[in-house]
Protein backbone atom coordinates (compact mmCIF):
# COMPACT_ATOMS: atom_id res chain seq x y z
CA MET A 1 0.00 0.00 0.00
CA GLY A 2 2.97 2.33 -0.44
CA MET A 3 2.99 5.20 2.01
CA ILE A 4 -0.58 4.75 3.24
CA TRP A 5 -0.92 2.88 6.54
CA ILE A 6 -4.34 2.26 8.06
CA HIS A 7 -4.76 1.30 11.73
CA TRP A 8 -8.10 0.57 13.39
CA ASP A 9 -9.59 -0.90 16.53
CA PRO A 10 -11.60 -4.02 15.50
CA LYS A 11 -13.63 -3.74 18.72
CA ARG A 12 -15.04 -0.41 17.55
CA VAL A 13 -15.02 -0.59 13.75
CA ALA A 14 -14.98 -3.22 11.02
CA LEU A 15 -12.82 -2.04 8.12
CA LYS A 16 -12.58 -3.75 4.73
CA VAL A 17 -10.16 -2.58 2.04
CA LEU A 18 -12.11 -2.66 -1.24
CA TYR A 19 -9.51 -1.24 -3.65
CA SER A 20 -5.89 -0.17 -3.33
CA TYR A 21 -4.36 2.30 -5.77
CA ALA A 22 -0.93 3.96 -5.97
CA GLN A 23 -2.21 7.12 -4.25
CA MET A 24 -5.42 5.99 -2.55
CA VAL A 25 -6.92 3.16 -0.51
CA HIS A 26 -10.73 2.86 -0.69
CA CYS A 27 -12.42 1.19 2.31
CA HIS A 28 -15.83 0.20 3.64
CA ILE A 29 -16.23 0.90 7.38
CA GLN A 30 -18.82 -0.22 9.93
CA TRP A 31 -18.94 1.84 13.11
CA HIS A 32 -20.30 -0.59 15.73
CA GLU A 33 -21.04 1.98 18.43
CA GLN A 34 -23.34 4.11 16.25
CA LYS A 35 -24.50 1.27 13.94
CA LEU A 36 -23.39 3.23 10.88
CA GLU A 37 -21.79 2.18 7.61
CA PHE A 38 -19.84 4.43 5.25
CA PHE A 39 -16.99 4.51 2.74
CA THR A 40 -13.67 6.27 3.28
CA SER A 41 -10.84 6.86 0.81
CA PHE A 42 -7.42 7.52 2.34
CA VAL A 43 -5.20 9.64 0.10
CA TYR A 44 -1.48 10.39 -0.25
CA GLY A 45 -0.97 12.36 -3.47
CA PHE A 46 2.21 12.37 -5.55
CA ASN A 47 4.33 15.53 -5.71
CA GLU A 48 4.09 16.21 -9.44
CA LEU A 49 0.97 17.57 -11.18
CA GLU A 50 1.05 15.00 -14.01
CA GLU A 51 1.52 12.11 -11.57
CA ARG A 52 -1.54 13.23 -9.57
CA LYS A 53 -3.85 12.95 -12.59
CA SER A 54 -4.31 9.24 -11.93
CA LEU A 55 -5.43 10.10 -8.37
CA TRP A 56 -8.28 12.27 -9.66
CA LYS A 57 -9.38 9.47 -12.00
CA ASP A 58 -9.32 6.98 -9.13
CA ILE A 59 -11.46 9.27 -6.96
CA GLU A 60 -13.89 9.96 -9.83
CA THR A 61 -14.45 6.19 -10.10
CA TYR A 62 -16.78 6.57 -7.11
CA ALA A 63 -18.43 9.81 -8.30
CA SER A 64 -21.87 8.22 -8.61
CA SER A 65 -21.85 6.75 -5.11
CA ASN A 66 -25.15 7.16 -3.28
CA GLU A 67 -23.61 6.03 0.01
CA ALA A 68 -21.95 8.18 2.68
CA TRP A 69 -18.38 8.75 1.47
CA CYS A 70 -15.45 10.87 2.59
CA VAL A 71 -11.94 11.34 1.24
CA ILE A 72 -9.22 12.30 3.72
CA GLY A 73 -5.47 12.73 3.62
CA ASP A 74 -2.59 14.60 2.01
CA PHE A 75 -3.62 15.60 -1.52
CA ASN A 76 -0.27 17.37 -2.03
CA VAL A 77 -1.99 20.24 -3.86
CA VAL A 78 -3.75 23.45 -2.87
CA LEU A 79 -7.37 24.13 -3.79
CA THR A 80 -7.68 27.94 -3.65
CA SER A 81 -5.40 30.98 -3.76
CA GLU A 82 -5.75 31.32 0.04
CA ASP A 83 -4.22 27.88 0.56
CA ARG A 84 -0.62 29.13 0.21
CA LYS A 85 1.29 31.83 2.04
CA GLY A 86 4.71 32.73 0.68
CA GLY A 87 6.46 31.36 -2.39
CA ASN A 88 4.89 31.49 -5.85
CA PRO A 89 1.27 32.63 -6.23
CA VAL A 90 -1.32 29.89 -6.74
CA SER A 91 -2.18 29.45 -10.43
CA ASN A 92 -5.38 28.11 -11.96
CA GLY A 93 -3.38 25.41 -13.70
CA GLU A 94 -2.24 23.73 -10.50
CA THR A 95 -5.72 23.71 -8.90
CA ALA A 96 -7.93 22.97 -11.93
CA ASP A 97 -7.73 19.15 -11.79
CA PHE A 98 -8.50 19.07 -8.06
CA ARG A 99 -11.46 21.47 -8.41
CA ASP A 100 -12.88 19.53 -11.37
CA CYS A 101 -12.58 16.27 -9.45
CA LEU A 102 -14.48 17.63 -6.45
CA GLU A 103 -17.16 19.07 -8.73
CA LYS A 104 -17.66 15.79 -10.61
CA CYS A 105 -17.85 13.80 -7.41
CA GLY A 106 -20.05 16.28 -5.51
CA LEU A 107 -17.48 16.48 -2.70
CA GLU A 108 -17.38 19.43 -0.29
CA GLU A 109 -14.69 20.30 2.22
CA MET A 110 -15.79 19.62 5.79
CA PRO A 111 -15.51 22.33 8.47
CA PHE A 112 -12.43 22.10 10.66
CA SER A 113 -10.87 23.63 13.74
CA GLY A 114 -7.21 24.39 14.38
CA PRO A 115 -4.51 25.98 12.17
CA TYR A 116 -5.49 26.77 8.60
CA PHE A 117 -2.19 25.70 7.01
CA THR A 118 -1.18 22.04 7.37
CA TRP A 119 2.32 22.11 5.86
CA ASN A 120 5.41 24.32 5.84
CA ASN A 121 8.86 23.98 4.28
CA LYS A 122 10.68 24.47 7.60
CA GLN A 123 12.65 27.42 6.18
CA LYS A 124 13.29 30.61 8.13
CA GLY A 125 12.28 34.23 7.59
CA GLY A 126 11.06 35.21 4.13
CA ASP A 127 11.82 31.76 2.72
CA ARG A 128 9.11 30.11 4.85
CA ILE A 129 6.15 28.79 2.82
CA TYR A 130 2.85 27.66 4.36
CA SER A 131 0.32 25.55 2.46
CA LYS A 132 -2.93 23.74 3.11
CA LEU A 133 -2.38 20.31 1.55
CA ASP A 134 -4.26 18.05 3.99
CA ARG A 135 -8.03 18.09 4.19
CA MET A 136 -11.20 16.03 4.36
CA VAL A 137 -13.93 16.25 1.73
CA ALA A 138 -17.26 14.41 1.75
CA ASN A 139 -20.40 13.97 -0.33
CA ILE A 140 -23.92 15.07 0.62
CA GLU A 141 -24.81 11.56 1.79
CA TRP A 142 -22.04 11.84 4.38
CA VAL A 143 -23.35 15.22 5.56
CA LEU A 144 -26.87 13.81 5.90
CA LYS A 145 -25.79 10.57 7.61
CA MET A 146 -22.97 11.79 9.82
CA GLY A 147 -24.00 15.45 10.23
CA THR A 148 -22.74 16.70 13.57
CA LYS A 149 -21.18 13.33 14.39
CA THR A 150 -17.82 14.27 12.90
CA VAL A 151 -15.46 17.18 13.41
CA ILE A 152 -12.17 17.72 11.60
CA ILE A 153 -9.25 18.94 13.70
CA HIS A 154 -5.93 20.20 12.31
CA GLU A 155 -3.15 19.70 14.84
CA VAL A 156 -0.32 22.23 15.08
CA VAL A 157 2.67 21.48 12.81
CA SER A 158 5.55 20.44 15.07
CA LYS A 159 8.69 18.50 14.11
CA ALA A 160 7.18 16.97 10.99
CA ASP A 161 6.48 19.19 8.00
CA HIS A 162 2.79 18.12 7.91
CA ALA A 163 0.10 18.68 10.52
CA SER A 164 -1.89 15.61 11.50
CA ILE A 165 -5.55 15.77 10.55
CA SER A 166 -8.07 14.01 12.81
CA CYS A 167 -11.67 13.10 12.09
CA VAL A 168 -13.28 13.03 15.53
CA MET A 169 -16.37 10.80 15.40
CA GLU A 170 -17.20 10.31 19.05
CA CYS A 171 -17.55 13.47 21.11
CA LEU A 172 -20.53 14.74 19.14
CA ALA A 173 -22.29 11.43 18.54
CA HIS A 174 -24.96 11.98 21.19
CA LEU A 175 -25.93 15.38 19.77
CA TYR A 176 -27.44 13.84 16.67
CA GLU A 177 -30.22 12.12 18.57
CA THR A 178 -30.62 14.44 21.58
CA THR A 179 -30.69 17.94 20.10
CA GLY A 180 -33.02 19.64 17.69
CA LEU A 181 -30.10 21.17 15.80
CA GLN A 182 -30.50 18.99 12.74
CA LEU A 183 -29.84 19.70 9.09
CA ASN A 184 -32.79 19.80 6.73
CA PRO A 185 -33.31 16.13 5.76
CA ASN A 186 -34.43 17.10 2.25
CA LYS A 187 -31.45 15.76 0.32
CA SER A 188 -32.23 17.61 -2.91
CA GLN A 189 -32.38 20.97 -1.17
CA ILE A 190 -29.10 20.41 0.63
CA ARG A 191 -27.34 19.10 -2.48
CA SER A 192 -28.49 22.18 -4.40
CA ARG A 193 -27.52 24.47 -1.55
CA LEU A 194 -24.01 23.10 -1.18
CA ARG A 195 -23.27 23.50 -4.87
CA ARG A 196 -24.41 27.06 -5.39
CA TYR A 197 -23.09 30.43 -4.34
CA LEU A 198 -25.13 31.97 -1.53
CA GLU A 199 -25.48 35.73 -1.73
CA VAL A 200 -24.15 37.94 1.06
CA GLN A 201 -27.02 39.02 3.28
CA ALA A 202 -27.64 42.60 4.38
CA GLU A 203 -29.32 41.24 7.49
CA CYS A 204 -28.57 38.15 9.57
CA GLY A 205 -29.80 35.03 7.82
CA ASN A 206 -30.78 33.41 11.14
CA CYS A 207 -32.50 36.11 13.21
CA GLY A 208 -33.09 38.79 10.54
CA GLU A 209 -32.69 41.51 13.17
CA LYS A 210 -29.20 42.99 12.64
CA GLU A 211 -26.56 43.30 9.93
CA GLU A 212 -24.88 40.01 9.18
CA THR A 213 -21.33 40.56 10.33
CA PHE A 214 -19.00 37.74 11.29
CA GLU A 215 -19.21 38.73 14.96
CA HIS A 216 -23.00 38.91 14.95
CA LEU A 217 -23.66 35.70 12.98
CA PHE A 218 -21.40 33.45 15.05
CA TRP A 219 -21.60 35.12 18.47
CA GLU A 220 -24.15 37.86 19.12
CA CYS A 221 -27.16 36.45 17.24
CA THR A 222 -29.81 34.93 19.54
CA ILE A 223 -29.85 31.75 17.40
CA ALA A 224 -26.06 31.48 17.71
CA LYS A 225 -26.30 31.81 21.49
CA GLU A 226 -28.93 29.06 21.72
CA ILE A 227 -26.87 26.71 19.54
CA ARG A 228 -23.66 27.47 21.45
CA GLU A 229 -25.24 26.97 24.87
CA GLU A 230 -26.98 23.74 23.81
CA ILE A 231 -23.88 22.09 22.34
CA PHE A 232 -21.50 23.26 25.08
CA MET A 233 -23.90 22.10 27.80
CA ARG A 234 -24.30 18.62 26.32
CA MET A 235 -20.55 18.24 25.83
CA GLY A 236 -19.76 19.53 29.32
CA ILE A 237 -17.73 22.49 28.00
CA LYS A 238 -17.43 25.52 30.27
CA CYS A 239 -17.07 28.73 28.27
CA LYS A 240 -16.27 32.09 29.89
CA ALA A 241 -15.67 33.94 26.61
CA THR A 242 -17.66 37.15 26.05
CA SER A 243 -16.79 37.73 22.38
CA LEU A 244 -15.52 35.96 19.30
CA GLU A 245 -12.01 37.31 19.85
CA HIS A 246 -12.13 36.25 23.50
CA MET A 247 -13.24 32.76 22.41
CA GLU A 248 -10.23 32.41 20.09
CA THR A 249 -7.91 33.50 22.91
CA GLU A 250 -9.51 31.02 25.31
CA LEU A 251 -9.06 28.18 22.81
CA GLY A 252 -5.37 29.03 22.53
CA ASN A 253 -4.87 29.03 26.30
CA ILE A 254 -6.14 25.49 26.95
CA LYS A 255 -3.27 23.34 28.22
CA THR A 256 -4.54 19.76 28.47
CA LYS A 257 -4.74 17.93 25.17
CA ARG A 258 -8.05 16.15 25.87
CA ARG A 259 -9.83 19.34 26.98
CA LYS A 260 -8.42 21.21 23.99
CA LEU A 261 -9.63 18.47 21.64
CA MET A 262 -13.14 18.50 23.12
CA THR A 263 -13.42 22.31 23.15
CA ASN A 264 -12.15 22.62 19.58
CA ALA A 265 -14.60 19.93 18.48
CA GLY A 266 -17.46 21.68 20.30
CA TRP A 267 -16.64 25.07 18.79
CA ALA A 268 -16.34 23.55 15.30
CA ALA A 269 -19.78 21.95 15.79
CA VAL A 270 -21.21 25.32 16.86
CA CYS A 271 -19.85 27.14 13.79
CA TYR A 272 -20.91 24.31 11.48
CA THR A 273 -24.48 24.23 12.81
CA ILE A 274 -24.88 28.02 12.71
CA TRP A 275 -23.63 28.22 9.13
CA LYS A 276 -25.78 25.35 7.88
CA LYS A 277 -28.85 26.77 9.58
CA ARG A 278 -28.18 30.17 8.02
CA ASN A 279 -27.73 28.65 4.53
CA ASP A 280 -30.93 26.65 4.97
CA VAL A 281 -32.94 29.81 5.68
CA ILE A 282 -31.45 31.61 2.66
CA HIS A 283 -32.00 28.63 0.37
CA ASN A 284 -35.66 28.32 1.35
CA LYS A 285 -36.20 32.04 0.71
CA ASN A 286 -34.63 31.75 -2.74
CA LYS A 287 -36.70 28.66 -3.46
CA ASP A 288 -39.90 30.52 -2.56
CA LYS A 289 -38.90 33.37 -4.87
CA GLU A 290 -38.15 31.06 -7.78
CA GLY A 291 -41.35 29.06 -7.37
CA ILE A 292 -40.03 26.40 -9.73
CA GLY A 293 -41.53 22.93 -9.69
CA GLU A 294 -41.96 20.08 -12.11
CA GLY A 295 -45.61 19.46 -11.38
CA GLN A 296 -47.57 16.58 -12.91
CA SER A 297 -47.69 17.87 -16.47
CA THR A 298 -47.31 15.22 -19.16
CA SER A 299 -46.16 17.85 -21.67
CA ARG A 300 -42.93 18.64 -19.81
CA PRO A 301 -39.98 16.29 -19.31
CA PRO A 302 -39.32 15.13 -15.72
CA LEU A 303 -36.83 17.46 -14.05
CA PHE A 304 -33.62 15.94 -12.68
CA ASP A 305 -32.70 17.63 -9.39
CA GLY A 306 -29.37 15.89 -8.93
CA THR A 307 -30.69 13.01 -6.82
CA ASN A 308 -32.11 9.54 -7.52
CA TYR A 309 -30.72 9.37 -11.06
CA THR A 310 -31.97 5.83 -11.73
CA TYR A 311 -35.58 6.89 -11.05
CA TRP A 312 -35.26 9.97 -13.29
CA LYS A 313 -33.53 8.03 -16.07
CA GLU A 314 -36.35 5.49 -16.32
CA ARG A 315 -39.04 8.22 -16.25
CA MET A 316 -37.15 10.21 -18.89
CA ARG A 317 -36.76 7.16 -21.14
CA ILE A 318 -40.48 6.42 -20.97
CA TYR A 319 -41.39 10.11 -21.49
CA ILE A 320 -39.22 10.45 -24.64
CA ARG A 321 -40.40 7.15 -26.14
CA SER A 322 -44.05 8.09 -25.55
CA THR A 323 -43.81 11.61 -27.01
CA ASN A 324 -41.39 11.17 -29.93
CA PHE A 325 -39.77 7.80 -30.49
CA GLN A 326 -37.44 9.24 -33.13
CA LEU A 327 -35.86 11.48 -30.49
CA TRP A 328 -35.20 8.44 -28.32
CA LEU A 329 -33.40 6.74 -31.24
CA VAL A 330 -31.26 9.87 -31.65
CA ILE A 331 -30.30 9.81 -27.96
CA LYS A 332 -29.70 6.06 -27.95
CA ASN A 333 -27.82 5.66 -31.26
CA GLY A 334 -26.30 9.09 -31.84
CA GLU A 335 -26.35 11.40 -34.85
CA GLU A 336 -25.55 10.71 -38.47
CA THR A 337 -24.01 13.55 -40.43
CA PRO A 338 -25.76 14.02 -43.84
CA MET A 339 -23.32 12.86 -46.49
CA LYS A 340 -22.97 13.19 -50.26
CA LYS A 341 -20.92 11.24 -52.78
CA VAL A 342 -18.10 13.05 -54.50
CA GLY A 343 -16.45 10.72 -56.95
CA GLU A 344 -15.76 7.52 -55.03
CA GLN A 345 -15.81 9.18 -51.59
CA LEU A 346 -18.51 10.26 -49.14
CA VAL A 347 -18.11 13.76 -47.73
CA PRO A 348 -20.33 15.77 -45.32
CA LYS A 349 -22.99 17.98 -46.86
CA THR A 350 -23.04 21.71 -46.20
CA GLU A 351 -26.23 23.16 -44.68
CA ASP A 352 -27.15 24.68 -48.05
CA GLU A 353 -27.13 21.18 -49.56
CA PHE A 354 -29.55 19.64 -47.03
CA ASP A 355 -32.71 18.18 -48.54
CA ALA A 356 -36.04 17.86 -46.70
CA GLU A 357 -35.08 14.53 -45.11
CA ASP A 358 -31.72 15.91 -43.92
CA ILE A 359 -33.40 18.96 -42.41
CA LYS A 360 -35.87 16.76 -40.53
CA LYS A 361 -33.00 14.66 -39.14
CA VAL A 362 -31.02 17.74 -38.02
CA GLU A 363 -34.14 19.20 -36.43
CA ASN A 364 -34.57 16.00 -34.42
CA TYR A 365 -30.93 16.20 -33.32
CA ALA A 366 -31.51 19.73 -32.02
CA LYS A 367 -34.82 18.76 -30.38
CA ALA A 368 -33.15 15.89 -28.54
CA ILE A 369 -30.42 18.19 -27.19
CA ASN A 370 -33.00 20.82 -26.16
CA LEU A 371 -35.11 18.16 -24.47
CA LEU A 372 -32.19 17.08 -22.26
CA TYR A 373 -31.25 20.68 -21.46
CA CYS A 374 -34.83 21.31 -20.28
CA ALA A 375 -34.76 18.22 -18.06
CA VAL A 376 -31.66 18.97 -15.97
CA ASN A 377 -30.82 21.47 -13.23
CA PRO A 378 -28.25 24.28 -13.70
CA ASP A 379 -25.43 22.25 -12.09
CA ASP A 380 -25.90 19.32 -14.45
CA TYR A 381 -26.38 21.67 -17.40
CA ARG A 382 -22.82 22.85 -16.86
CA LYS A 383 -21.62 19.25 -16.85
CA ILE A 384 -23.18 18.42 -20.23
CA SER A 385 -22.93 21.84 -21.95
CA CYS A 386 -19.60 20.86 -23.55
CA CYS A 387 -21.20 17.85 -25.27
CA THR A 388 -22.05 18.24 -28.97
CA THR A 389 -24.67 15.48 -29.35
CA ALA A 390 -27.64 14.23 -27.34
CA LYS A 391 -26.02 10.79 -27.03
CA GLU A 392 -22.88 12.33 -25.50
CA MET A 393 -25.04 14.24 -23.02
CA TRP A 394 -27.01 11.12 -22.03
CA ASP A 395 -23.84 9.05 -21.68
CA LYS A 396 -22.16 11.81 -19.65
CA LEU A 397 -24.99 11.85 -17.11
CA GLU A 398 -24.98 8.06 -16.99
CA VAL A 399 -21.25 7.88 -16.21
CA THR A 400 -21.46 10.77 -13.72
CA TYR A 401 -24.27 9.25 -11.64
CA GLU A 402 -23.96 5.52 -12.29
CA GLY A 403 -20.20 5.35 -12.77
CA THR A 404 -18.00 3.45 -15.17
CA ASP A 405 -18.24 -0.29 -15.83
CA GLN A 406 -15.74 -0.86 -13.01
CA VAL A 407 -17.95 1.03 -10.55
CA ARG A 408 -21.04 -0.86 -11.71
CA GLU A 409 -19.26 -4.17 -11.20
CA ALA A 410 -18.27 -3.09 -7.68
CA LYS A 411 -21.86 -2.11 -6.90
CA ILE A 412 -23.16 -5.39 -8.32
CA ASP A 413 -20.68 -7.36 -6.20
CA PHE A 414 -21.75 -5.47 -3.07
CA LEU A 415 -25.49 -5.90 -3.75
CA THR A 416 -25.04 -9.55 -4.73
CA GLN A 417 -23.40 -10.19 -1.39
CA GLU A 418 -26.34 -8.48 0.33
CA TYR A 419 -28.71 -10.71 -1.66
CA GLU A 420 -26.84 -13.90 -0.76
CA MET A 421 -26.65 -12.96 2.94
CA PHE A 422 -30.30 -11.88 3.12
CA ARG A 423 -32.24 -13.35 6.04
CA MET A 424 -35.54 -12.59 7.73
CA LYS A 425 -35.01 -10.83 11.06
CA GLU A 426 -36.38 -12.24 14.30
CA GLY A 427 -39.96 -10.99 14.79
CA GLU A 428 -39.98 -9.17 11.43
CA LYS A 429 -43.26 -8.74 9.56
CA ILE A 430 -43.65 -10.18 6.08
CA ASP A 431 -44.24 -6.72 4.54
CA ASP A 432 -41.07 -5.34 6.13
CA MET A 433 -39.02 -8.31 4.96
CA PHE A 434 -40.32 -8.04 1.38
CA ASP A 435 -39.62 -4.28 1.36
CA ARG A 436 -35.98 -4.92 2.26
CA PHE A 437 -35.71 -7.73 -0.27
CA SER A 438 -37.36 -5.67 -3.04
CA LYS A 439 -34.91 -2.81 -2.56
CA ILE A 440 -31.93 -5.11 -3.14
CA ILE A 441 -33.56 -6.72 -6.20
CA ASN A 442 -34.60 -3.35 -7.69
CA ASP A 443 -31.09 -1.90 -7.20
CA LEU A 444 -29.60 -4.94 -8.92
CA HIS A 445 -32.17 -4.69 -11.72
CA ALA A 446 -31.17 -1.05 -12.29
CA LEU A 447 -27.61 -2.31 -12.79
CA LYS A 448 -28.91 -4.94 -15.25
CA LYS A 449 -28.38 -7.86 -12.88
CA THR A 450 -31.52 -10.01 -12.71
CA TYR A 451 -32.63 -13.31 -11.16
CA ALA A 452 -35.21 -15.79 -12.40
CA ASN A 453 -38.56 -15.72 -10.61
CA LYS A 454 -38.07 -19.26 -9.27
CA ASP A 455 -34.68 -18.30 -7.78
CA LEU A 456 -36.23 -15.30 -6.00
CA ALA A 457 -39.04 -17.46 -4.60
CA ARG A 458 -36.60 -20.11 -3.34
CA LYS A 459 -34.40 -17.42 -1.81
CA ILE A 460 -37.32 -15.96 0.14
CA LEU A 461 -38.48 -19.35 1.40
CA ARG A 462 -34.94 -20.23 2.51
CA SER A 463 -34.63 -16.89 4.31
CA LEU A 464 -37.62 -17.40 6.61
CA THR A 465 -37.13 -17.83 10.36
CA PRO A 466 -37.81 -21.27 12.01
CA GLU A 467 -41.47 -20.58 12.91
CA TRP A 468 -42.17 -20.31 9.16
CA ARG A 469 -40.55 -23.65 8.30
CA SER A 470 -43.79 -25.67 8.15
CA LYS A 471 -45.36 -23.14 5.80
CA ALA A 472 -42.28 -23.04 3.57
CA ASP A 473 -42.26 -26.86 3.34
CA ALA A 474 -45.97 -26.87 2.51
CA ILE A 475 -45.40 -24.43 -0.36
CA TYR A 476 -42.54 -26.57 -1.68
CA GLU A 477 -44.69 -29.73 -1.57
CA SER A 478 -48.03 -28.36 -2.80
CA ILE A 479 -47.00 -26.30 -5.81
CA ARG A 480 -44.10 -25.81 -8.16
CA VAL A 481 -41.93 -22.94 -6.92
CA SER A 482 -41.23 -21.88 -10.49
CA ASP A 483 -44.94 -21.15 -10.95
CA VAL A 484 -45.14 -18.83 -7.93
CA THR A 485 -44.89 -15.08 -8.52
CA ILE A 486 -43.22 -12.87 -5.92
CA ASP A 487 -46.45 -10.97 -5.32
CA GLY A 488 -48.38 -14.23 -5.04
CA LEU A 489 -45.84 -15.60 -2.55
CA ARG A 490 -46.05 -12.40 -0.54
CA GLY A 491 -49.84 -12.62 -0.37
CA ASN A 492 -49.70 -16.30 0.58
CA LEU A 493 -47.23 -15.69 3.42
CA LYS A 494 -49.07 -12.60 4.61
CA THR A 495 -52.34 -14.56 4.84
CA TYR A 496 -50.60 -17.25 6.88
CA GLU A 497 -49.04 -14.55 9.09
CA SER A 498 -52.35 -12.84 9.89
CA THR A 499 -54.62 -15.91 10.20
CA ILE A 500 -52.44 -18.66 11.68
CA LEU A 501 -48.94 -17.60 12.75
CA THR A 502 -49.73 -14.43 14.72
CA PRO A 503 -52.73 -15.94 16.63
CA SER A 504 -50.62 -19.04 17.35
CA LEU A 505 -47.78 -16.98 18.78
CA ASP A 506 -50.21 -14.94 20.85
CA GLU A 507 -51.72 -18.18 22.21
CA GLN A 508 -48.27 -19.46 23.16
CA LYS A 509 -47.58 -16.26 25.05
CA LYS A 510 -50.85 -16.65 26.95
CA LYS A 511 -50.04 -20.27 27.78
CA GLY A 512 -46.68 -19.23 29.07
CA ILE A 513 -48.32 -16.75 31.42
CA VAL A 514 -50.89 -19.33 32.67
CA LEU A 515 -48.19 -21.89 33.40
CA LYS A 516 -46.22 -19.38 35.36
CA ALA A 517 -49.28 -18.41 37.41
CA THR A 518 -50.10 -22.07 38.03
CA LYS A 519 -46.59 -22.73 39.24
CA GLU A 520 -46.76 -19.88 41.70
CA THR A 521 -50.16 -21.15 42.95
CA MET A 522 -48.90 -24.68 43.43
CA GLU A 523 -46.05 -23.42 45.55
CA GLU A 524 -48.53 -21.74 47.86
CA VAL A 525 -50.88 -24.78 48.16
CA PRO A 526 -50.45 -26.92 51.37
CA SER A 527 -48.36 -29.99 50.89
CA ASP A 528 -51.27 -32.46 50.28
CA TYR A 529 -50.00 -32.88 46.73
CA GLU A 530 -46.45 -33.34 47.98
CA ASN A 531 -47.57 -35.99 50.54
CA GLU A 532 -49.47 -37.86 47.86
CA PHE A 533 -46.45 -37.77 45.55
CA GLY A 534 -44.24 -39.03 48.43
CA LEU A 535 -46.47 -42.08 48.97
CA VAL A 536 -46.19 -42.99 45.29
CA ILE A 537 -42.38 -42.85 45.53
CA LYS A 538 -42.34 -45.11 48.63
CA LYS A 539 -44.54 -47.68 46.88
CA PHE A 540 -42.20 -47.62 43.88
CA HIS A 541 -39.14 -48.37 46.08
CA LYS A 542 -40.98 -51.27 47.83
CA PHE A 543 -41.87 -52.71 44.46
CA LYS A 544 -38.18 -52.60 43.37
CA LYS A 545 -37.09 -54.50 46.55
CA LYS A 546 -39.51 -57.28 45.74
């Protein structure tokens, strides 16, 4: 694994290395304590710009991931002009690949506490150069799933030239369930909000009472005070600061490492929650102003909002085929340039040479492009605006949100494993079990991996818990499994659940209670029964002696 070493505590997390590249290790992690699963890519970028290009391609392999995913480590490149102090100015050329990669993957830098710069060249005086090369970026699914559960902390650069970067996932875990300071769960709104520029407000975005200065937004605002007091109280942090400047001084004066870590994490959580709440308010105001919605019109293409691509893709395919099948053929097969024969060779026609049939074809090409433009949001419009044909645009969206063939194979492998390991949970209802099973099958179907109906039926019957065994055997014996539809099997099992299994279980519970009561009563009854039982035993021993 080169220069990337990963250490973990198996008692707390289960980590599985999925892929290992020259500059990145991609892992699946299960956090036992919080019962969470997510993906993490650990990065150590090469020094040279050309050598790092393969890193961006490796990261983009997972661009269409719909699971919580973060990328953390030393990227060995700055992202903005503010990321370097001293030395040569930051050029667009050295940041372009990194910025494009984050845009394609929908990754955003996570808030952090501690020093801004994470590297220096250890030179003295005017030769000293500071850069921010280490960071953590994550997708919207991570923000929604982990939210305030993680805080990024940059440690002070000491003897090494790099600062260590820590992702603290423990001290804020209880806040997620116990406070009301949650992000808006509407994924599409948050995805849109994170990827757009939010205008500077004349008044505070949270309270709307005073001018939105840095001091007011993060310290003086009544909303900021409530958030700060709530988080600090739950984390047991005592804060005597009276201003933002005083708070920064107090953070610098903390001596013990543990207390400093906790206070930094708490303050980062405060700033993060305030900023997200403020952006949420602004976004909702802008949304109300725009008043844009797809509606239920059958004359307009379904609008893609950046989420649930598979659902949109299928709706869009059906919409195009139902309104103009020729446009669907254009998108599916691509364009054909009108040609003419000159001597023994075919050469493209000029527009002046187009006949009626050529003009109709070219019009359909333009209609197909316009149709796709009208069906995507501004962010995705920018992704496909460089494409020259409708097929290129369709394929670009497909690769962006579903990934390359390698990514699809990885997804299929993961879902296939889920399918093979599928089991009914103890006490689970039939409807709940079928809902879980259907999700796996539908996700596989979207990736063009299908199972025969008889295999699905057998899988379900084998997955049932022991109390269902008699029913499963009866289905095997009475009818051919290959003739059973999934819906029919569901109805059959649900009928058994409601008419026989559930009443039977309830009756067993009642019997258990009666037996317990009877036992207690027998213990309280005088020993007539015991005397009678004793006589029987004595007679048995006399009989043996004979």
